[in-house]
Every structure is written in C-alpha cells, then in structure tokens.
Amino acid sequence: MFKLFKSKEQKIADARAEIEKTFQDFMEGEGRLPEGFSEPYIRITSFGLVLNDTPFKAYLDTIKADVDRLNDDTGISDWFYLDESVEINAAAAAISDWVKRYKEMETMLGKKACVDRKTTVRPPAFRHCGGKVMVVIDNKRRYEGITEESIERCKAEEISFCTVLSDCKLYDLIEQKEKEITYVTYPNYHDETYADWSFK
C-alpha cells in the first residue's frame, strides 16, 4: 500500500499539534491540583511569566536588597498550601499521585518533542516543575494522624509538609525539625555580590 510522504515541516506541525493537545487535556484534567490544595505563592507577571515564590517572600526581599542576585538553594521547586477540607492521609495520597503523574507527563511530552534525530519541538512550559514539593499546613496537630504508609509515599515523590513558624522559620513535619533560612554571600567575576539561601 502506498504510504503518504510527510515533509519535515508537516511532521513538525503534527508533533506540535499533538503535544499542545495532550498538554491542554492534561492541564484541564489530571494536571489540576487535587482538592484542598492551592498555590497562593505563585505570581504571574504582566508578561505571563509564572514565578514560584515562598511563604518567606518578605524576609527574602530584605536579603535581595543587599545583594545583586539571590539564588534559591533549597531544592524545593513548588510550594503549595493545604486547607482543612481533606483528611491528611487522603491529601497525602492525592498529592503524591499528582506529583508522580506530573513527572510522567513531562517525560512523555519530552519524548514526543523529538521529531527525529536532529529536530526537536519545544514543549509547552509546565506551571510546576515536578521536583521537590513543600506543602504548607496551618495546624501542626492535623499532621499527627498521618500514617507511615502516607509518609513513605510522599518521601518517594520528594514531598514534605511544614508549618510556618515565623517570617524566616518553618517546622518540617516529615523530618520533625525546625529549620531557619540561612544564606551565604560570595562575589562573582563581575565583582557583584551573589547569595545562596537554604534552610538549616
């Protein structure tokens, strides 16, 4: 049977259309945050750029005022807030499933973006990074009902829970320890001052 030949341009157009449809379907379905979770720390600029902030923005802004550049060295890619509408173990299961699926979708679209050995279509930018996630809850006692199974599921997907103690401190509920923002400054080759911040 005669096979219809596709030009390179057509292959690229088809790949782009398929990626965009898959991405759109995902973001309107499985890609939505589970019930009870929200993203109050996300800011969208006037240009449509998504910025992932933290609950510690005010404190970090005071550091930024004294340096030319402040780098996030926490390894946390996304900060979410969990309200009290969902039981803690149900919430842990939902967010771990969501993070796992998000990572799978990023990988799949990355593969679809390779049209051939020399051509790659740029996939859409995901709103979240699919990396380490920190979930903020208000009431520390609420976490006491979490099971070991739920903790292990969250650890497997690099998810942790915390309560905010002050403008520069949190309590990591999975690690069961208080952590405070610390930063190290250093000059770069342009004689500018850079700083890396993290939790210790």
Protein backbone atom coordinates (compact mmCIF):
# COMPACT_ATOMS: atom_id res chain seq x y z
CA MET A 1 0.00 0.00 0.00
CA PHE A 2 1.29 3.45 -0.91
CA LYS A 3 2.40 5.42 2.15
CA LEU A 4 1.84 9.17 2.14
CA PHE A 5 5.14 11.02 2.47
CA LYS A 6 5.20 13.84 5.00
CA SER A 7 7.53 16.76 4.68
CA LYS A 8 9.70 17.71 7.64
CA GLU A 9 7.60 20.85 8.12
CA GLN A 10 4.42 18.73 8.26
CA LYS A 11 5.98 16.33 10.78
CA ILE A 12 6.94 19.28 12.98
CA ALA A 13 3.45 20.80 12.68
CA ASP A 14 1.81 17.45 13.53
CA ALA A 15 4.12 16.88 16.51
CA ARG A 16 3.47 20.39 17.81
CA ALA A 17 -0.32 19.97 17.46
CA GLU A 18 -0.27 16.59 19.23
CA ILE A 19 1.90 17.93 22.07
CA GLU A 20 -0.30 21.00 22.56
CA LYS A 21 -3.49 18.91 22.64
CA THR A 22 -2.02 16.37 25.07
CA PHE A 23 -0.74 19.19 27.26
CA GLN A 24 -4.05 21.07 27.22
CA ASP A 25 -6.06 17.92 28.03
CA PHE A 26 -3.72 17.13 30.92
CA MET A 27 -3.78 20.64 32.39
CA GLU A 28 -7.59 20.71 32.28
CA GLY A 29 -7.84 17.23 33.85
CA GLU A 30 -5.20 15.31 35.79
CA GLY A 31 -2.87 18.31 35.89
CA ARG A 32 -5.18 20.29 38.18
CA LEU A 33 -4.16 20.38 41.80
CA PRO A 34 -6.05 17.89 43.99
CA GLU A 35 -8.93 19.05 46.17
CA GLY A 36 -7.81 21.03 49.22
CA PHE A 37 -4.54 22.19 47.65
CA SER A 38 -3.89 25.70 46.34
CA GLU A 39 -0.97 27.79 45.09
CA PRO A 40 -1.02 31.15 46.94
CA TYR A 41 2.72 31.56 46.49
CA ILE A 42 2.60 31.76 42.70
CA ARG A 43 2.86 35.14 41.00
CA ILE A 44 2.23 35.79 37.32
CA THR A 45 4.00 38.79 35.79
CA SER A 46 2.39 41.17 33.30
CA PHE A 47 4.25 39.23 30.58
CA GLY A 48 2.63 35.95 31.67
CA LEU A 49 5.77 34.59 33.35
CA VAL A 50 4.99 32.28 36.28
CA LEU A 51 7.12 32.92 39.38
CA ASN A 52 7.18 30.39 42.22
CA ASP A 53 7.50 32.32 45.47
CA THR A 54 7.58 31.02 49.03
CA PRO A 55 5.79 31.97 52.27
CA PHE A 56 9.01 33.81 53.15
CA LYS A 57 8.97 36.39 50.36
CA ALA A 58 9.09 39.43 52.69
CA TYR A 59 12.17 38.16 54.53
CA LEU A 60 13.91 37.11 51.30
CA ASP A 61 13.24 40.55 49.83
CA THR A 62 15.28 42.09 52.67
CA ILE A 63 18.22 39.87 51.67
CA LYS A 64 17.74 40.71 47.99
CA ALA A 65 18.04 44.41 48.80
CA ASP A 66 21.68 43.88 49.84
CA VAL A 67 22.86 41.60 47.01
CA ASP A 68 22.94 41.67 43.23
CA ARG A 69 21.39 38.23 42.94
CA LEU A 70 19.75 35.78 45.36
CA ASN A 71 19.66 32.11 44.38
CA ASP A 72 17.28 29.54 45.84
CA ASP A 73 19.40 26.63 47.07
CA THR A 74 16.63 24.76 48.92
CA GLY A 75 15.92 22.27 46.14
CA ILE A 76 12.18 22.95 46.59
CA SER A 77 10.53 23.59 43.23
CA ASP A 78 6.93 24.13 44.33
CA TRP A 79 5.19 25.43 47.45
CA PHE A 80 1.53 24.52 47.95
CA TYR A 81 -1.00 25.23 50.69
CA LEU A 82 -3.34 22.56 52.07
CA ASP A 83 -6.58 23.65 53.73
CA GLU A 84 -8.54 21.59 56.27
CA SER A 85 -11.19 20.27 53.88
CA VAL A 86 -9.39 16.97 53.18
CA GLU A 87 -8.20 14.32 55.68
CA ILE A 88 -4.38 14.28 55.90
CA ASN A 89 -3.85 10.73 54.54
CA ALA A 90 -6.25 11.30 51.65
CA ALA A 91 -4.41 14.55 50.91
CA ALA A 92 -1.00 12.80 51.04
CA ALA A 93 -2.21 10.11 48.62
CA ALA A 94 -3.70 12.68 46.25
CA ILE A 95 -0.63 14.95 46.11
CA SER A 96 1.82 12.03 45.73
CA ASP A 97 -0.26 10.63 42.84
CA TRP A 98 -0.45 14.11 41.28
CA VAL A 99 3.32 14.71 41.50
CA LYS A 100 4.05 11.26 40.05
CA ARG A 101 1.66 11.83 37.14
CA TYR A 102 3.04 15.33 36.55
CA LYS A 103 6.58 13.94 36.21
CA GLU A 104 5.36 11.19 33.88
CA MET A 105 3.64 13.75 31.65
CA GLU A 106 6.77 15.93 31.49
CA THR A 107 8.81 12.89 30.41
CA MET A 108 6.24 11.78 27.84
CA LEU A 109 5.95 15.22 26.23
CA GLY A 110 9.73 15.47 26.18
CA LYS A 111 9.85 12.27 24.11
CA LYS A 112 7.07 13.43 21.80
CA ALA A 113 9.03 16.64 21.19
CA CYS A 114 11.77 14.68 19.39
CA VAL A 115 10.56 14.65 15.78
CA ASP A 116 13.75 13.00 14.53
CA ARG A 117 17.43 12.82 15.48
CA LYS A 118 18.10 16.41 14.51
CA THR A 119 14.76 18.10 15.18
CA THR A 120 13.11 18.84 18.50
CA VAL A 121 9.87 20.76 19.02
CA ARG A 122 9.88 22.95 22.10
CA PRO A 123 7.27 21.51 24.51
CA PRO A 124 4.93 23.85 26.43
CA ALA A 125 6.15 25.22 29.76
CA PHE A 126 4.60 23.44 32.72
CA ARG A 127 3.29 25.61 35.53
CA HIS A 128 5.06 23.43 38.08
CA CYS A 129 8.50 21.87 38.00
CA GLY A 130 7.66 18.34 39.05
CA GLY A 131 10.55 18.39 41.52
CA LYS A 132 10.65 18.59 45.32
CA VAL A 133 7.37 19.85 46.78
CA MET A 134 6.66 21.53 50.13
CA VAL A 135 3.08 21.58 51.40
CA VAL A 136 2.21 24.22 54.00
CA ILE A 137 -0.46 23.46 56.61
CA ASP A 138 -1.68 25.74 59.40
CA ASN A 139 -2.30 23.26 62.18
CA LYS A 140 0.61 21.05 63.21
CA ARG A 141 -1.72 18.73 65.16
CA ARG A 142 -3.53 17.85 61.99
CA TYR A 143 -0.43 16.06 60.75
CA GLU A 144 -0.40 13.71 63.77
CA GLY A 145 -2.92 11.42 62.05
CA ILE A 146 -0.67 10.67 59.08
CA THR A 147 0.27 7.01 58.62
CA GLU A 148 3.73 5.59 57.92
CA GLU A 149 2.46 4.44 54.52
CA SER A 150 1.45 8.01 53.61
CA ILE A 151 4.83 9.35 54.75
CA GLU A 152 6.69 6.80 52.62
CA ARG A 153 4.55 7.64 49.58
CA CYS A 154 5.37 11.31 50.00
CA LYS A 155 9.07 10.66 50.52
CA ALA A 156 9.17 8.60 47.31
CA GLU A 157 7.95 11.65 45.36
CA GLU A 158 10.05 14.19 47.34
CA ILE A 159 7.07 15.75 49.09
CA SER A 160 7.24 17.23 52.57
CA PHE A 161 4.79 19.04 54.85
CA CYS A 162 5.56 22.00 57.07
CA THR A 163 4.10 24.71 59.25
CA VAL A 164 5.40 28.27 59.03
CA LEU A 165 6.79 29.44 62.40
CA SER A 166 7.90 32.97 61.50
CA ASP A 167 9.00 35.14 58.59
CA CYS A 168 12.17 33.02 58.27
CA LYS A 169 11.43 29.69 60.01
CA LEU A 170 9.44 26.54 59.30
CA TYR A 171 8.88 23.22 61.01
CA ASP A 172 9.40 20.26 58.66
CA LEU A 173 6.77 17.75 59.74
CA ILE A 174 8.26 14.78 57.91
CA GLU A 175 11.78 15.37 59.24
CA GLN A 176 10.35 16.56 62.60
CA LYS A 177 12.69 19.52 62.91
CA GLU A 178 12.72 23.28 62.90
CA LYS A 179 14.56 24.94 60.02
CA GLU A 180 15.62 28.54 59.56
CA ILE A 181 16.61 30.45 56.44
CA THR A 182 20.36 30.88 56.15
CA TYR A 183 22.35 32.37 53.30
CA VAL A 184 25.92 32.58 52.09
CA THR A 185 27.23 35.52 50.07
CA TYR A 186 30.07 35.41 47.58
CA PRO A 187 31.46 37.64 44.79
CA ASN A 188 31.20 36.63 41.14
CA TYR A 189 33.66 37.50 38.39
CA HIS A 190 31.92 40.85 37.73
CA ASP A 191 32.54 41.97 41.33
CA GLU A 192 28.85 41.59 42.07
CA THR A 193 27.58 40.02 45.28
CA TYR A 194 25.57 36.82 44.94
CA ALA A 195 23.89 34.87 47.73
CA ASP A 196 22.54 31.31 48.03
CA TRP A 197 19.75 30.73 50.54
CA SER A 198 18.50 27.49 52.05
CA PHE A 199 17.05 26.05 55.25
CA LYS A 200 19.27 24.83 58.08
